[in-house]
Amino acid sequence: MKRLFLGAATAALLAGPALATDLNELTDAEREAFRAEVRAYLVENPEVLMEAFAVLEQRQAEMEAEAQALAVVENENAIFNSAFDFVGGNPDGDVVIVEFVDYRCTFCRRAHPEVTELVAGDGNIRLVTKEFPILGEQSELASRFAIATRIALGDEAYDQMGDALYAMRQDVTELSLARLASDLGYDSEAIFAAMDDPLVEATINYNRDLGGRMGITGTPSFVFGDQMVQGYVPLANMQEIVSILRETDEG
C-alpha cells in the first residue's frame, strides 16, 4: 500500500517538464537525492497521501462493482429464477430483490422487518429468499427446518416459519423447533420427516455454490436488479435503490 501511495505522490511531483527525466538513468547519488526530496515533500504535504488513498479506494470500489455486476449477469437465471427459492411479495413485481439469509445472523434479523415493510408498503416488488446458512450448525438446522416446512406445508407456512425463526432467541435444537412449530399450529412431525427430503440439502448446496461464484461471504446479501450489495441496508436506502431501478427502467 505504501508503494501505491508513493507512486501517486511521485507522479504528482514529476508532473510537467520533469517527466522527461528517465529515473533509470539517474546515478545512485541522484536517485538517493530524489528519494530524499520525495520523502521531504510527503512529510511537508501529507494530504497528498490522503488524496492518493482516496483515488485508490475509489478505483477499487469501481472494480469491485464491475466484478459484482458481471457476476449477476453470469448467474442471472440461478439468482432470479431458481425453483429452490421462495418468492414473496408480488410475483409479477416490476422490481426484483433477492436476499441471501441466515436466521441466526444479527443483521439479517435487523433487516427482516425493514425488508418486510419495504415489500408490503410498495406492493410491486418481487422478493426472492435464498437460504444461505453460514454461521454454524444451528444456522443450518434452522434453514433445513424452514425448507422442510415449505416442502411439508407450503409457501405460506414457510413464510410464517421464517418470521418465527428470525424472532427466535434460544438455541436452535430439535426440541426448540418442535415447540416453535407447535406454537404456530403446525405439525412438527411432518416437518421433521420432510427434512430427510433430498430437496432440503440440494437447496442449501445450490445456494452455497451460487454464493461462492458471486463472492458472497456474509449475510444478509442482496441483489437489487443488477446490483449486488453485501450487508445490512437500511429501509430508506432500499427505498432509494428501488426508486432508482424504476427510473432506470423507464429511461
Protein backbone atom coordinates (compact mmCIF):
# COMPACT_ATOMS: atom_id res chain seq x y z
CA MET A 1 0.00 0.00 0.00
CA LYS A 2 2.85 2.40 0.82
CA ARG A 3 4.29 1.83 -2.64
CA LEU A 4 0.98 2.81 -4.20
CA PHE A 5 0.93 6.00 -2.14
CA LEU A 6 4.49 6.80 -3.08
CA GLY A 7 3.79 6.09 -6.73
CA ALA A 8 0.89 8.51 -6.76
CA ALA A 9 2.84 11.17 -4.91
CA THR A 10 5.82 10.72 -7.19
CA ALA A 11 3.61 11.14 -10.22
CA ALA A 12 2.43 14.44 -8.80
CA LEU A 13 5.99 15.59 -8.21
CA LEU A 14 7.07 14.67 -11.70
CA ALA A 15 4.20 16.40 -13.48
CA GLY A 16 5.35 18.75 -16.20
CA PRO A 17 8.78 19.01 -17.85
CA ALA A 18 10.44 16.89 -15.20
CA LEU A 19 8.71 13.86 -16.71
CA ALA A 20 11.29 13.97 -19.45
CA THR A 21 13.84 12.65 -16.96
CA ASP A 22 14.24 8.87 -17.06
CA LEU A 23 14.69 7.74 -13.46
CA ASN A 24 16.53 4.67 -14.67
CA GLU A 25 19.30 6.91 -16.00
CA LEU A 26 19.98 8.57 -12.65
CA THR A 27 23.16 7.84 -10.78
CA ASP A 28 22.91 6.25 -7.36
CA ALA A 29 23.60 9.61 -5.74
CA GLU A 30 20.96 11.35 -7.88
CA ARG A 31 18.42 8.62 -7.18
CA GLU A 32 19.06 8.88 -3.42
CA ALA A 33 18.68 12.66 -3.58
CA PHE A 34 15.44 12.27 -5.49
CA ARG A 35 14.09 9.86 -2.90
CA ALA A 36 15.01 12.25 -0.12
CA GLU A 37 13.24 15.05 -1.98
CA VAL A 38 10.11 12.96 -2.38
CA ARG A 39 10.15 11.98 1.28
CA ALA A 40 10.58 15.58 2.37
CA TYR A 41 7.71 16.64 0.12
CA LEU A 42 5.40 13.99 1.54
CA VAL A 43 6.32 14.87 5.13
CA GLU A 44 5.53 18.52 4.42
CA ASN A 45 2.39 17.69 2.41
CA PRO A 46 0.76 14.60 3.98
CA GLU A 47 -2.54 15.47 2.29
CA VAL A 48 -1.03 14.09 -0.92
CA LEU A 49 -1.07 10.63 0.64
CA MET A 50 -4.71 11.05 1.63
CA GLU A 51 -5.61 12.13 -1.90
CA ALA A 52 -3.78 9.13 -3.33
CA PHE A 53 -5.53 6.82 -0.88
CA ALA A 54 -8.94 8.27 -1.82
CA VAL A 55 -8.24 7.71 -5.51
CA LEU A 56 -7.11 4.14 -4.82
CA GLU A 57 -10.23 3.40 -2.76
CA GLN A 58 -12.46 4.81 -5.48
CA ARG A 59 -10.79 2.71 -8.16
CA GLN A 60 -11.03 -0.43 -6.02
CA ALA A 61 -14.73 0.24 -5.36
CA GLU A 62 -15.36 0.72 -9.08
CA MET A 63 -13.54 -2.51 -9.92
CA GLU A 64 -15.48 -4.40 -7.24
CA ALA A 65 -18.80 -3.01 -8.52
CA GLU A 66 -17.92 -4.06 -12.07
CA ALA A 67 -16.98 -7.56 -10.91
CA GLN A 68 -20.23 -7.88 -8.94
CA ALA A 69 -22.33 -6.67 -11.87
CA LEU A 70 -20.62 -9.24 -14.09
CA ALA A 71 -21.29 -11.97 -11.51
CA VAL A 72 -25.00 -11.07 -11.53
CA VAL A 73 -25.14 -11.26 -15.32
CA GLU A 74 -23.27 -14.57 -15.45
CA ASN A 75 -25.56 -16.15 -12.82
CA GLU A 76 -28.79 -14.37 -13.73
CA ASN A 77 -31.01 -17.43 -14.08
CA ALA A 78 -29.77 -19.03 -10.84
CA ILE A 79 -30.25 -15.77 -8.96
CA PHE A 80 -33.71 -14.80 -10.14
CA ASN A 81 -35.42 -17.94 -11.40
CA SER A 82 -34.31 -20.87 -9.24
CA ALA A 83 -37.07 -23.33 -8.38
CA PHE A 84 -35.36 -23.83 -5.00
CA ASP A 85 -36.33 -20.38 -3.72
CA PHE A 86 -39.43 -18.93 -2.10
CA VAL A 87 -40.90 -15.94 -3.93
CA GLY A 88 -42.77 -13.43 -1.80
CA GLY A 89 -44.25 -10.01 -2.32
CA ASN A 90 -45.72 -9.54 -5.78
CA PRO A 91 -44.58 -12.42 -8.03
CA ASP A 92 -45.14 -10.15 -11.04
CA GLY A 93 -43.50 -7.10 -9.47
CA ASP A 94 -41.59 -4.66 -11.65
CA VAL A 95 -38.59 -4.71 -9.29
CA VAL A 96 -36.88 -7.89 -8.09
CA ILE A 97 -34.97 -8.11 -4.81
CA VAL A 98 -33.04 -11.25 -3.92
CA GLU A 99 -31.87 -11.79 -0.34
CA PHE A 100 -29.38 -14.40 0.91
CA VAL A 101 -30.36 -15.11 4.52
CA ASP A 102 -29.20 -16.84 7.68
CA TYR A 103 -31.77 -16.91 10.51
CA ARG A 104 -29.04 -16.72 13.16
CA CYS A 105 -27.44 -13.63 11.62
CA THR A 106 -27.88 -10.49 13.74
CA PHE A 107 -28.01 -8.20 10.73
CA CYS A 108 -30.47 -10.48 8.92
CA ARG A 109 -32.72 -10.16 11.96
CA ARG A 110 -32.32 -6.41 11.87
CA ALA A 111 -33.03 -6.26 8.15
CA HIS A 112 -36.02 -8.61 8.12
CA PRO A 113 -38.74 -6.24 9.43
CA GLU A 114 -37.45 -3.48 7.15
CA VAL A 115 -37.46 -5.74 4.09
CA THR A 116 -40.99 -6.82 5.06
CA GLU A 117 -42.08 -3.19 5.41
CA LEU A 118 -40.49 -2.29 2.08
CA VAL A 119 -42.24 -5.09 0.20
CA ALA A 120 -45.62 -4.61 1.90
CA GLY A 121 -45.58 -0.84 1.53
CA ASP A 122 -44.52 -0.89 -2.10
CA GLY A 123 -46.81 -3.61 -3.41
CA ASN A 124 -44.89 -4.12 -6.63
CA ILE A 125 -41.70 -5.86 -5.51
CA ARG A 126 -40.87 -9.50 -6.19
CA LEU A 127 -38.84 -10.80 -3.22
CA VAL A 128 -36.72 -13.94 -3.67
CA THR A 129 -35.40 -15.57 -0.49
CA LYS A 130 -32.28 -17.71 -0.70
CA GLU A 131 -31.43 -19.97 2.21
CA PHE A 132 -27.74 -19.37 2.93
CA PRO A 133 -26.78 -20.72 6.38
CA ILE A 134 -23.16 -19.87 7.12
CA LEU A 135 -22.97 -19.40 10.89
CA GLY A 136 -22.64 -22.98 12.02
CA GLU A 137 -24.76 -25.98 12.92
CA GLN A 138 -27.66 -24.05 14.44
CA SER A 139 -27.92 -21.89 11.32
CA GLU A 140 -28.03 -24.95 9.12
CA LEU A 141 -30.60 -26.69 11.31
CA ALA A 142 -32.85 -23.61 11.22
CA SER A 143 -32.52 -23.39 7.45
CA ARG A 144 -33.22 -27.08 6.95
CA PHE A 145 -36.30 -26.79 9.16
CA ALA A 146 -37.58 -23.80 7.18
CA ILE A 147 -37.11 -25.57 3.85
CA ALA A 148 -38.77 -28.70 5.22
CA THR A 149 -41.71 -26.58 6.37
CA ARG A 150 -42.16 -25.37 2.82
CA ILE A 151 -41.99 -28.92 1.45
CA ALA A 152 -44.45 -30.31 4.01
CA LEU A 153 -46.86 -27.40 4.45
CA GLY A 154 -46.41 -24.95 1.59
CA ASP A 155 -45.28 -21.39 0.94
CA GLU A 156 -47.50 -19.62 3.47
CA ALA A 157 -46.26 -21.82 6.30
CA TYR A 158 -42.66 -21.30 5.15
CA ASP A 159 -43.12 -17.54 5.20
CA GLN A 160 -44.56 -17.62 8.72
CA MET A 161 -41.89 -20.03 9.89
CA GLY A 162 -39.22 -17.65 8.60
CA ASP A 163 -40.69 -14.81 10.66
CA ALA A 164 -40.66 -17.05 13.74
CA LEU A 165 -37.07 -18.21 13.17
CA TYR A 166 -35.84 -14.63 12.92
CA ALA A 167 -37.58 -13.84 16.22
CA MET A 168 -36.25 -16.97 17.93
CA ARG A 169 -33.67 -16.18 20.62
CA GLN A 170 -33.00 -19.54 22.26
CA ASP A 171 -30.64 -22.14 20.86
CA VAL A 172 -31.86 -23.92 17.75
CA THR A 173 -32.42 -27.57 18.65
CA GLU A 174 -34.91 -30.17 17.51
CA LEU A 175 -36.82 -29.60 20.74
CA SER A 176 -36.97 -25.82 20.38
CA LEU A 177 -38.01 -26.16 16.72
CA ALA A 178 -40.76 -28.63 17.65
CA ARG A 179 -42.07 -26.12 20.21
CA LEU A 180 -41.88 -23.33 17.64
CA ALA A 181 -43.90 -25.36 15.13
CA SER A 182 -46.43 -26.21 17.82
CA ASP A 183 -46.82 -22.54 18.76
CA LEU A 184 -47.60 -21.80 15.11
CA GLY A 185 -50.11 -24.64 14.95
CA TYR A 186 -48.01 -26.76 12.59
CA ASP A 187 -47.40 -30.50 12.54
CA SER A 188 -43.77 -30.73 13.67
CA GLU A 189 -43.57 -34.44 12.87
CA ALA A 190 -44.46 -33.76 9.25
CA ILE A 191 -41.78 -31.07 9.09
CA PHE A 192 -39.09 -33.27 10.65
CA ALA A 193 -40.00 -36.06 8.23
CA ALA A 194 -39.60 -33.64 5.31
CA MET A 195 -36.09 -32.73 6.49
CA ASP A 196 -34.95 -36.04 5.00
CA ASP A 197 -36.15 -34.96 1.57
CA PRO A 198 -33.13 -34.59 -0.79
CA LEU A 199 -34.55 -31.21 -1.82
CA VAL A 200 -33.52 -29.75 1.54
CA GLU A 201 -29.83 -30.42 1.11
CA ALA A 202 -29.99 -29.64 -2.61
CA THR A 203 -31.42 -26.19 -1.88
CA ILE A 204 -28.67 -25.30 0.58
CA ASN A 205 -25.89 -26.68 -1.62
CA TYR A 206 -27.24 -24.88 -4.67
CA ASN A 207 -27.29 -21.54 -2.92
CA ARG A 208 -23.86 -22.07 -1.38
CA ASP A 209 -22.40 -22.84 -4.79
CA LEU A 210 -24.07 -19.76 -6.22
CA GLY A 211 -22.83 -17.61 -3.36
CA GLY A 212 -19.30 -18.89 -3.93
CA ARG A 213 -19.44 -17.96 -7.62
CA MET A 214 -20.68 -14.50 -6.71
CA GLY A 215 -18.14 -13.89 -3.97
CA ILE A 216 -20.76 -13.68 -1.21
CA THR A 217 -19.13 -14.13 2.19
CA GLY A 218 -21.77 -12.88 4.59
CA THR A 219 -25.44 -12.27 5.24
CA PRO A 220 -27.62 -10.54 4.53
CA SER A 221 -26.56 -10.11 0.93
CA PHE A 222 -28.88 -8.55 -1.61
CA VAL A 223 -29.28 -8.35 -5.34
CA PHE A 224 -31.32 -5.30 -6.36
CA GLY A 225 -31.95 -5.63 -10.07
CA ASP A 226 -28.42 -5.96 -11.43
CA GLN A 227 -26.72 -4.52 -8.33
CA MET A 228 -25.26 -6.68 -5.57
CA VAL A 229 -24.99 -5.27 -2.04
CA GLN A 230 -23.46 -7.25 0.81
CA GLY A 231 -24.51 -6.35 4.34
CA TYR A 232 -27.39 -4.64 6.08
CA VAL A 233 -29.18 -1.95 4.07
CA PRO A 234 -31.49 0.47 5.95
CA LEU A 235 -35.08 0.83 4.77
CA ALA A 236 -34.58 4.35 3.41
CA ASN A 237 -31.63 3.19 1.32
CA MET A 238 -33.59 0.24 -0.06
CA GLN A 239 -36.44 2.54 -1.00
CA GLU A 240 -33.99 4.81 -2.80
CA ILE A 241 -32.45 1.87 -4.69
CA VAL A 242 -35.91 0.67 -5.77
CA SER A 243 -36.77 4.18 -6.97
CA ILE A 244 -33.55 4.39 -8.98
CA LEU A 245 -34.18 0.98 -10.54
CA ARG A 246 -37.62 2.09 -11.68
CA GLU A 247 -36.29 5.35 -13.09
CA THR A 248 -33.59 3.45 -14.95
CA ASP A 249 -36.14 1.05 -16.45
CA GLU A 250 -38.37 3.93 -17.52
CA GLY A 251 -35.40 5.73 -19.06
